[in-house]
C-alpha atoms as a PDB file:
ATOM      1  CA  MET A   1      -2.092 -16.772  -0.061  1.00  0.00           C
ATOM      2  CA  LEU A   2      -0.977 -16.446   3.689  1.00  0.00           C
ATOM      3  CA  ARG A   3      -2.460 -12.932   4.007  1.00  0.00           C
ATOM      4  CA  GLU A   4      -6.024 -14.596   2.614  1.00  0.00           C
ATOM      5  CA  ALA A   5      -5.601 -17.449   5.489  1.00  0.00           C
ATOM      6  CA  TYR A   6      -5.262 -14.632   7.987  1.00  0.00           C
ATOM      7  CA  ASP A   7      -8.303 -13.231   6.999  1.00  0.00           C
ATOM      8  CA  LEU A   8     -10.290 -16.506   6.182  1.00  0.00           C
ATOM      9  CA  TYR A   9      -9.504 -17.436  10.020  1.00  0.00           C
ATOM     10  CA  GLN A  10     -10.527 -14.290  11.485  1.00  0.00           C
ATOM     11  CA  VAL A  11     -14.040 -14.899   9.684  1.00  0.00           C
ATOM     12  CA  GLU A  12     -14.602 -18.577  10.302  1.00  0.00           C
ATOM     13  CA  VAL A  13     -12.644 -19.240  13.392  1.00  0.00           C
ATOM     14  CA  VAL A  14     -12.555 -15.983  15.188  1.00  0.00           C
ATOM     15  CA  ASN A  15     -16.317 -14.707  14.241  1.00  0.00           C
ATOM     16  CA  GLN A  16     -17.960 -17.787  13.511  1.00  0.00           C
ATOM     17  CA  GLY A  17     -16.368 -19.854  15.855  1.00  0.00           C
ATOM     18  CA  LYS A  18     -15.278 -22.664  13.049  1.00  0.00           C
ATOM     19  CA  LEU A  19     -13.055 -25.186  14.524  1.00  0.00           C
ATOM     20  CA  TYR A  20      -9.822 -25.323  13.865  1.00  0.00           C
ATOM     21  CA  GLN A  21      -9.309 -28.306  11.619  1.00  0.00           C
ATOM     22  CA  ARG A  22     -12.269 -27.555   9.715  1.00  0.00           C
ATOM     23  CA  TYR A  23     -11.161 -24.094   8.769  1.00  0.00           C
ATOM     24  CA  ALA A  24      -7.336 -25.555   8.064  1.00  0.00           C
ATOM     25  CA  ASP A  25      -8.680 -28.488   5.978  1.00  0.00           C
ATOM     26  CA  ASP A  26     -11.087 -26.110   3.879  1.00  0.00           C
ATOM     27  CA  PHE A  27      -8.508 -23.600   3.103  1.00  0.00           C
ATOM     28  CA  VAL A  28      -6.216 -26.096   1.817  1.00  0.00           C
ATOM     29  CA  TYR A  29      -8.919 -28.212  -0.347  1.00  0.00           C
ATOM     30  CA  SER A  30     -10.028 -24.763  -2.056  1.00  0.00           C
ATOM     31  CA  HIS A  31      -6.655 -24.159  -2.915  1.00  0.00           C
ATOM     32  CA  GLU A  32      -5.217 -27.362  -4.599  1.00  0.00           C
ATOM     33  CA  PHE A  33      -5.696 -26.337  -7.931  1.00  0.00           C
ATOM     34  CA  HIS A  34      -4.286 -23.386 -10.003  1.00  0.00           C
ATOM     35  CA  ASP A  35      -5.539 -22.295 -13.646  1.00  0.00           C
ATOM     36  CA  ALA A  36      -2.091 -21.870 -14.669  1.00  0.00           C
ATOM     37  CA  ILE A  37      -0.910 -23.378 -17.947  1.00  0.00           C
ATOM     38  CA  ASP A  38       3.001 -22.923 -18.088  1.00  0.00           C
ATOM     39  CA  ALA A  39       5.127 -25.078 -15.895  1.00  0.00           C
ATOM     40  CA  TRP A  40       7.177 -22.588 -13.672  1.00  0.00           C
ATOM     41  CA  SER A  41       3.475 -21.248 -12.510  1.00  0.00           C
ATOM     42  CA  LYS A  42       2.224 -24.256 -11.683  1.00  0.00           C
ATOM     43  CA  ASN A  43       5.390 -24.984  -9.447  1.00  0.00           C
ATOM     44  CA  GLU A  44       5.376 -22.077  -7.998  1.00  0.00           C
ATOM     45  CA  HIS A  45       1.764 -22.745  -6.830  1.00  0.00           C
ATOM     46  CA  GLN A  46       2.609 -25.795  -5.722  1.00  0.00           C
ATOM     47  CA  LYS A  47       5.352 -24.935  -3.456  1.00  0.00           C
ATOM     48  CA  ASN A  48       3.475 -22.004  -1.812  1.00  0.00           C
ATOM     49  CA  TYR A  49       0.390 -24.388  -1.469  1.00  0.00           C
ATOM     50  CA  ARG A  50       2.400 -27.256   0.077  1.00  0.00           C
ATOM     51  CA  ILE A  51       3.829 -24.379   2.603  1.00  0.00           C
ATOM     52  CA  LEU A  52       0.632 -23.261   3.647  1.00  0.00           C
ATOM     53  CA  ASP A  53      -0.610 -27.008   3.930  1.00  0.00           C
ATOM     54  CA  SER A  54       2.220 -27.747   6.390  1.00  0.00           C
ATOM     55  CA  LEU A  55       2.103 -24.697   8.511  1.00  0.00           C
ATOM     56  CA  LEU A  56      -1.784 -25.140   8.856  1.00  0.00           C
ATOM     57  CA  THR A  57      -1.598 -29.003   9.547  1.00  0.00           C
ATOM     58  CA  ASN A  58       1.947 -28.931  11.619  1.00  0.00           C
ATOM     59  CA  ARG A  59       2.165 -25.600  13.356  1.00  0.00           C
ATOM     60  CA  ARG A  60      -1.083 -24.973  14.705  1.00  0.00           C
ATOM     61  CA  ASP A  61       0.972 -23.084  17.519  1.00  0.00           C
ATOM     62  CA  LEU A  62       2.329 -20.495  15.189  1.00  0.00           C
ATOM     63  CA  VAL A  63      -0.910 -20.056  13.499  1.00  0.00           C
ATOM     64  CA  GLU A  64      -2.981 -19.149  16.528  1.00  0.00           C
ATOM     65  CA  ASN A  65      -0.438 -16.966  18.087  1.00  0.00           C
ATOM     66  CA  TYR A  66      -0.604 -14.846  14.659  1.00  0.00           C
ATOM     67  CA  PHE A  67      -3.711 -15.029  13.511  1.00  0.00           C
ATOM     68  CA  ASN A  68      -5.533 -14.350  16.805  1.00  0.00           C
ATOM     69  CA  LYS A  69      -3.949 -10.860  16.214  1.00  0.00           C
ATOM     70  CA  SER A  70      -6.528  -8.368  15.496  1.00  0.00           C
ATOM     71  CA  GLY A  71      -4.657  -6.786  12.741  1.00  0.00           C
ATOM     72  CA  VAL A  72      -1.166  -8.771  11.635  1.00  0.00           C
ATOM     73  CA  SER A  73       1.326  -6.686   9.494  1.00  0.00           C
ATOM     74  CA  GLU A  74       3.744  -7.961   6.538  1.00  0.00           C
ATOM     75  CA  ALA A  75       6.671  -7.910   8.927  1.00  0.00           C
ATOM     76  CA  GLU A  76       4.683 -10.425  11.047  1.00  0.00           C
ATOM     77  CA  LEU A  77       3.848 -12.619   8.342  1.00  0.00           C
ATOM     78  CA  ARG A  78       7.057 -12.779   7.329  1.00  0.00           C
ATOM     79  CA  GLU A  79       8.583 -13.141  10.699  1.00  0.00           C
ATOM     80  CA  MET A  80       5.908 -15.967  11.460  1.00  0.00           C
ATOM     81  CA  LEU A  81       7.085 -17.724   8.183  1.00  0.00           C
ATOM     82  CA  ASN A  82      10.530 -17.315   9.454  1.00  0.00           C
ATOM     83  CA  LEU A  83       9.888 -19.096  12.765  1.00  0.00           C
ATOM     84  CA  PHE A  84       7.868 -21.964  10.723  1.00  0.00           C
ATOM     85  CA  ASN A  85      11.408 -22.777   8.951  1.00  0.00           C
ATOM     86  CA  THR A  86      13.444 -22.360  11.811  1.00  0.00           C
ATOM     87  CA  THR A  87      11.620 -23.803  14.863  1.00  0.00           C
ATOM     88  CA  LEU A  88       9.823 -26.755  15.647  1.00  0.00           C
ATOM     89  CA  PRO A  89       6.436 -26.760  17.321  1.00  0.00           C
ATOM     90  CA  SER A  90       5.763 -25.168  20.398  1.00  0.00           C
ATOM     91  CA  SER A  91       4.594 -27.280  23.515  1.00  0.00           C
ATOM     92  CA  ASN A  92       1.954 -24.369  24.392  1.00  0.00           C
ATOM     93  CA  THR A  93      -1.740 -24.956  23.470  1.00  0.00           C
ATOM     94  CA  PHE A  94      -3.291 -21.701  21.821  1.00  0.00           C
ATOM     95  CA  VAL A  95      -6.839 -21.304  22.128  1.00  0.00           C
ATOM     96  CA  ALA A  96      -8.605 -19.385  19.628  1.00  0.00           C
ATOM     97  CA  ARG A  97     -10.270 -15.981  20.826  1.00  0.00           C
ATOM     98  CA  LYS A  98     -13.651 -14.935  20.538  1.00  0.00           C
ATOM     99  CA  LYS A  99     -14.914 -11.946  18.747  1.00  0.00           C
ATOM    100  CA  VAL A 100     -11.260 -10.724  18.784  1.00  0.00           C
ATOM    101  CA  ARG A 101     -11.818  -8.711  15.378  1.00  0.00           C
ATOM    102  CA  GLU A 102     -14.923  -7.344  14.905  1.00  0.00           C
ATOM    103  CA  ALA A 103     -16.897  -8.024  11.793  1.00  0.00           C
ATOM    104  CA  SER A 104     -17.154  -4.159  10.573  1.00  0.00           C
ATOM    105  CA  ASP A 105     -13.155  -4.481  10.504  1.00  0.00           C
ATOM    106  CA  LEU A 106     -13.149  -7.022   7.795  1.00  0.00           C
ATOM    107  CA  ASN A 107     -12.848  -6.033   4.396  1.00  0.00           C
ATOM    108  CA  LEU A 108     -12.143  -7.651   0.909  1.00  0.00           C
ATOM    109  CA  CYS A 109      -8.456  -7.021   0.612  1.00  0.00           C
ATOM    110  CA  SER A 110      -8.730  -5.298  -2.820  1.00  0.00           C
ATOM    111  CA  CYS A 111      -5.585  -4.314  -4.292  1.00  0.00           C
ATOM    112  CA  LEU A 112      -7.178  -2.329  -6.817  1.00  0.00           C
ATOM    113  CA  ASP A 113      -6.074   1.264  -7.909  1.00  0.00           C
ATOM    114  CA  ASN A 114      -8.082   4.380  -8.171  1.00  0.00           C
ATOM    115  CA  ASP A 115      -8.434   3.999 -12.157  1.00  0.00           C
ATOM    116  CA  ASP A 116      -9.419   0.490 -11.381  1.00  0.00           C
ATOM    117  CA  LEU A 117     -12.341   1.448  -9.344  1.00  0.00           C
ATOM    118  CA  SER A 118     -13.510   3.951 -11.911  1.00  0.00           C
ATOM    119  CA  ILE A 119     -13.307   1.428 -14.617  1.00  0.00           C
ATOM    120  CA  LEU A 120     -15.308  -1.349 -12.379  1.00  0.00           C
ATOM    121  CA  ALA A 121     -17.683   1.432 -10.811  1.00  0.00           C
ATOM    122  CA  ARG A 122     -18.733   2.251 -14.918  1.00  0.00           C
ATOM    123  CA  CYS A 123     -18.924  -1.428 -15.223  1.00  0.00           C
ATOM    124  CA  CYS A 124     -21.491  -1.779 -11.996  1.00  0.00           C
ATOM    125  CA  ASN A 125     -23.304   1.485 -13.372  1.00  0.00           C
ATOM    126  CA  GLU A 126     -23.397  -0.123 -17.006  1.00  0.00           C
ATOM    127  CA  ALA A 127     -24.543  -3.446 -15.746  1.00  0.00           C
ATOM    128  CA  GLN A 128     -27.172  -2.200 -13.687  1.00  0.00           C
ATOM    129  CA  ILE A 129     -25.799  -4.149 -10.561  1.00  0.00           C
ATOM    130  CA  PHE A 130     -27.143  -1.835  -8.100  1.00  0.00           C
ATOM    131  CA  SER A 131     -30.126   0.078  -7.684  1.00  0.00           C
ATOM    132  CA  GLU A 132     -27.868   3.331  -7.177  1.00  0.00           C
ATOM    133  CA  VAL A 133     -25.576   5.079  -9.414  1.00  0.00           C
ATOM    134  CA  ILE A 134     -22.036   4.553  -7.689  1.00  0.00           C
ATOM    135  CA  TYR A 135     -18.367   5.822  -8.175  1.00  0.00           C
ATOM    136  CA  ALA A 136     -14.982   4.875  -7.261  1.00  0.00           C
ATOM    137  CA  SER A 137     -15.331   6.109  -3.887  1.00  0.00           C
ATOM    138  CA  ASP A 138     -18.181   4.115  -3.078  1.00  0.00           C
ATOM    139  CA  LEU A 139     -16.761   0.881  -4.496  1.00  0.00           C
ATOM    140  CA  LEU A 140     -13.609   1.209  -2.452  1.00  0.00           C
ATOM    141  CA  SER A 141     -15.777   2.059   0.746  1.00  0.00           C
ATOM    142  CA  LEU A 142     -17.375  -1.042  -0.254  1.00  0.00           C
ATOM    143  CA  LEU A 143     -14.561  -2.968  -0.620  1.00  0.00           C
ATOM    144  CA  ASP A 144     -12.796  -1.592   2.603  1.00  0.00           C
ATOM    145  CA  GLY A 145     -15.814  -2.499   4.433  1.00  0.00           C
ATOM    146  CA  LYS A 146     -16.838   1.386   5.195  1.00  0.00           C
ATOM    147  CA  LEU A 147     -20.243   2.339   3.517  1.00  0.00           C
ATOM    148  CA  SER A 148     -21.856   4.398   5.581  1.00  0.00           C
ATOM    149  CA  MET A 149     -25.165   3.086   3.906  1.00  0.00           C
ATOM    150  CA  PRO A 150     -25.591  -0.267   2.411  1.00  0.00           C
ATOM    151  CA  LEU A 151     -26.147  -0.375  -1.614  1.00  0.00           C
ATOM    152  CA  HIS A 152     -29.248  -2.053  -3.194  1.00  0.00           C
ATOM    153  CA  SER A 153     -28.824  -5.265  -5.308  1.00  0.00           C
ATOM    154  CA  ARG A 154     -31.149  -4.690  -8.261  1.00  0.00           C
ATOM    155  CA  ASN A 155     -30.060  -8.289  -9.451  1.00  0.00           C
ATOM    156  CA  ASN A 156     -28.644 -11.072  -6.619  1.00  0.00           C
ATOM    157  CA  ARG A 157     -27.197 -12.863  -9.358  1.00  0.00           C
ATOM    158  CA  LEU A 158     -25.101 -10.090 -11.161  1.00  0.00           C
ATOM    159  CA  VAL A 159     -24.009  -8.972  -7.676  1.00  0.00           C
ATOM    160  CA  ALA A 160     -22.784 -12.551  -7.102  1.00  0.00           C
ATOM    161  CA  PHE A 161     -21.320 -12.514 -10.637  1.00  0.00           C
ATOM    162  CA  PHE A 162     -19.471  -9.449 -10.220  1.00  0.00           C
ATOM    163  CA  PHE A 163     -17.524 -10.386  -6.813  1.00  0.00           C
ATOM    164  CA  ASP A 164     -17.017 -13.756  -8.126  1.00  0.00           C
ATOM    165  CA  GLN A 165     -15.323 -12.479 -11.083  1.00  0.00           C
ATOM    166  CA  LEU A 166     -13.084 -10.233  -8.671  1.00  0.00           C
ATOM    167  CA  SER A 167     -12.306 -13.119  -7.008  1.00  0.00           C
ATOM    168  CA  LEU A 168     -11.373 -15.354  -9.885  1.00  0.00           C
ATOM    169  CA  TYR A 169      -9.164 -13.370 -10.797  1.00  0.00           C
ATOM    170  CA  ASN A 170      -7.517 -12.713  -7.556  1.00  0.00           C
ATOM    171  CA  LEU A 171      -8.500  -8.966  -6.830  1.00  0.00           C
ATOM    172  CA  ILE A 172     -10.368  -9.884  -3.866  1.00  0.00           C
ATOM    173  CA  ILE A 173     -10.138 -12.549  -1.077  1.00  0.00           C
ATOM    174  CA  ARG A 174     -12.116 -15.800  -2.034  1.00  0.00           C
ATOM    175  CA  ASN A 175     -14.219 -15.862   1.117  1.00  0.00           C
ATOM    176  CA  TRP A 176     -15.884 -12.858  -0.135  1.00  0.00           C
ATOM    177  CA  GLN A 177     -19.619 -14.073   0.503  1.00  0.00           C
ATOM    178  CA  ASN A 178     -18.878 -14.480   4.077  1.00  0.00           C
ATOM    179  CA  VAL A 179     -17.492 -10.751   4.562  1.00  0.00           C
ATOM    180  CA  LEU A 180     -20.266  -9.371   2.665  1.00  0.00           C
ATOM    181  CA  ALA A 181     -22.230 -11.204   4.516  1.00  0.00           C
ATOM    182  CA  HIS A 182     -21.159 -10.265   8.002  1.00  0.00           C
ATOM    183  CA  GLN A 183     -20.707  -6.496   6.691  1.00  0.00           C
ATOM    184  CA  ARG A 184     -24.511  -6.624   5.892  1.00  0.00           C
ATOM    185  CA  CYS A 185     -23.601  -4.050   2.844  1.00  0.00           C
ATOM    186  CA  ILE A 186     -26.043  -5.148  -0.025  1.00  0.00           C
ATOM    187  CA  VAL A 187     -29.456  -5.142   0.458  1.00  0.00           C
ATOM    188  CA  SER A 188     -31.134  -8.042  -1.171  1.00  0.00           C
ATOM    189  CA  SER A 189     -33.067  -7.301  -4.495  1.00  0.00           C
ATOM    190  CA  THR A 190     -36.332  -8.539  -2.822  1.00  0.00           C
ATOM    191  CA  GLY A 191     -35.721  -5.445  -0.600  1.00  0.00           C
ATOM    192  CA  LYS A 192     -36.575  -7.641   2.591  1.00  0.00           C
ATOM    193  CA  ASP A 193     -33.204  -7.523   3.749  1.00  0.00           C
ATOM    194  CA  THR A 194     -28.903  -7.899   3.287  1.00  0.00           C
ATOM    195  CA  LEU A 195     -27.851 -10.492   1.198  1.00  0.00           C
ATOM    196  CA  THR A 196     -26.298 -13.224   3.414  1.00  0.00           C
ATOM    197  CA  GLN A 197     -23.588 -15.882   2.622  1.00  0.00           C
ATOM    198  CA  LYS A 198     -26.570 -18.451   1.529  1.00  0.00           C
ATOM    199  CA  SER A 199     -28.148 -16.147  -0.809  1.00  0.00           C
ATOM    200  CA  LEU A 200     -25.140 -14.977  -2.143  1.00  0.00           C
ATOM    201  CA  SER A 201     -23.982 -18.748  -2.992  1.00  0.00           C
ATOM    202  CA  SER A 202     -27.628 -19.463  -4.085  1.00  0.00           C
ATOM    203  CA  ALA A 203     -27.385 -16.515  -6.596  1.00  0.00           C
ATOM    204  CA  LEU A 204     -23.896 -17.843  -7.605  1.00  0.00           C
ATOM    205  CA  TYR A 205     -25.038 -21.605  -8.185  1.00  0.00           C
ATOM    206  CA  SER A 206     -27.868 -20.256 -10.486  1.00  0.00           C
ATOM    207  CA  ILE A 207     -25.837 -18.848 -12.973  1.00  0.00           C
ATOM    208  CA  VAL A 208     -25.929 -22.193 -15.307  1.00  0.00           C
ATOM    209  CA  ASP A 209     -25.603 -20.863 -18.926  1.00  0.00           C
ATOM    210  CA  LEU A 210     -22.807 -21.873 -20.826  1.00  0.00           C
ATOM    211  CA  GLU A 211     -22.842 -18.431 -22.683  1.00  0.00           C
ATOM    212  CA  LEU A 212     -22.704 -15.133 -20.691  1.00  0.00           C
ATOM    213  CA  SER A 213     -25.488 -12.723 -20.468  1.00  0.00           C
ATOM    214  CA  ALA A 214     -25.294  -9.216 -21.784  1.00  0.00           C
ATOM    215  CA  GLN A 215     -24.903  -7.878 -18.547  1.00  0.00           C
ATOM    216  CA  GLU A 216     -22.442 -10.607 -17.443  1.00  0.00           C
ATOM    217  CA  LYS A 217     -20.149  -9.958 -20.410  1.00  0.00           C
ATOM    218  CA  ILE A 218     -19.913  -6.283 -19.280  1.00  0.00           C
ATOM    219  CA  ILE A 219     -18.801  -7.458 -16.401  1.00  0.00           C
ATOM    220  CA  ASP A 220     -16.251  -9.828 -17.486  1.00  0.00           C
ATOM    221  CA  ASP A 221     -15.024  -7.438 -19.987  1.00  0.00           C
ATOM    222  CA  ALA A 222     -14.474  -4.926 -17.226  1.00  0.00           C
ATOM    223  CA  VAL A 223     -12.672  -7.233 -14.657  1.00  0.00           C
ATOM    224  CA  ARG A 224     -10.711  -9.518 -17.169  1.00  0.00           C
ATOM    225  CA  PRO A 225      -8.350  -6.931 -18.262  1.00  0.00           C
ATOM    226  CA  ILE A 226      -7.642  -5.784 -14.679  1.00  0.00           C
ATOM    227  CA  GLY A 227      -7.332  -9.237 -13.310  1.00  0.00           C
ATOM    228  CA  GLN A 228      -4.943  -9.873 -15.875  1.00  0.00           C
ATOM    229  CA  LYS A 229      -2.906  -6.828 -15.540  1.00  0.00           C
ATOM    230  CA  TYR A 230      -2.231  -7.566 -11.720  1.00  0.00           C
ATOM    231  CA  GLN A 231      -1.409 -11.308 -13.071  1.00  0.00           C
ATOM    232  CA  ARG A 232       1.430 -10.164 -15.207  1.00  0.00           C
ATOM    233  CA  LYS A 233       2.531  -7.613 -11.981  1.00  0.00           C
ATOM    234  CA  ARG A 234       2.618 -10.663  -9.669  1.00  0.00           C
ATOM    235  CA  ASN A 235       4.607 -12.998 -12.414  1.00  0.00           C
ATOM    236  CA  THR A 236       7.351  -9.865 -12.656  1.00  0.00           C
ATOM    237  CA  ASP A 237       7.494  -9.423  -8.955  1.00  0.00           C
ATOM    238  CA  LYS A 238       8.110 -13.078  -8.296  1.00  0.00           C
END
């Protein structure tokens, strides 16, 4: 969750100039609830949620000191949490720097391995999400923000559904709409321009059917087992 907070900070505060308090409030509000059904998982989520809430609300000095870096390691994030647990707020005021990290450096923070990518690439082709036939390497480049040429959406609604499913199962970060829009990596099905955050949000909002379409079912059938696999791994690692 801390890594996700960092990536969202880079997108919204550093690159978009969003007010820190609005960023902090939105992040906290969007992570309040969890879909776990067992008490242990719910308690773990609440613990992590409260830690992030307190960190973003009460230790802006630490957040800005670490999150303004163009790249932050796992060791630095652990160091940040240690300082949060052992020190009081600094009297210094940190100001968010502009354009500290280029939008092209932002990615979707995927945890997928090559086998997962191959399954998802086949899913994209079978569901006809993109006009191009894509392979695992193409999907990896897309998730890492390293595509040399943008892909072309065959159906914007399916593009939005695909990435929303990846986000739902915590396979990519939740602010995927912002990242894809900044990357300008997918051309709209209209062919006029790359997909924006607004167009992705509108496409996602248009999915109102209670039953999945045949193409949406292909996507769900591919993403769900991968998401469940990583959820089991996260539970084991706790």
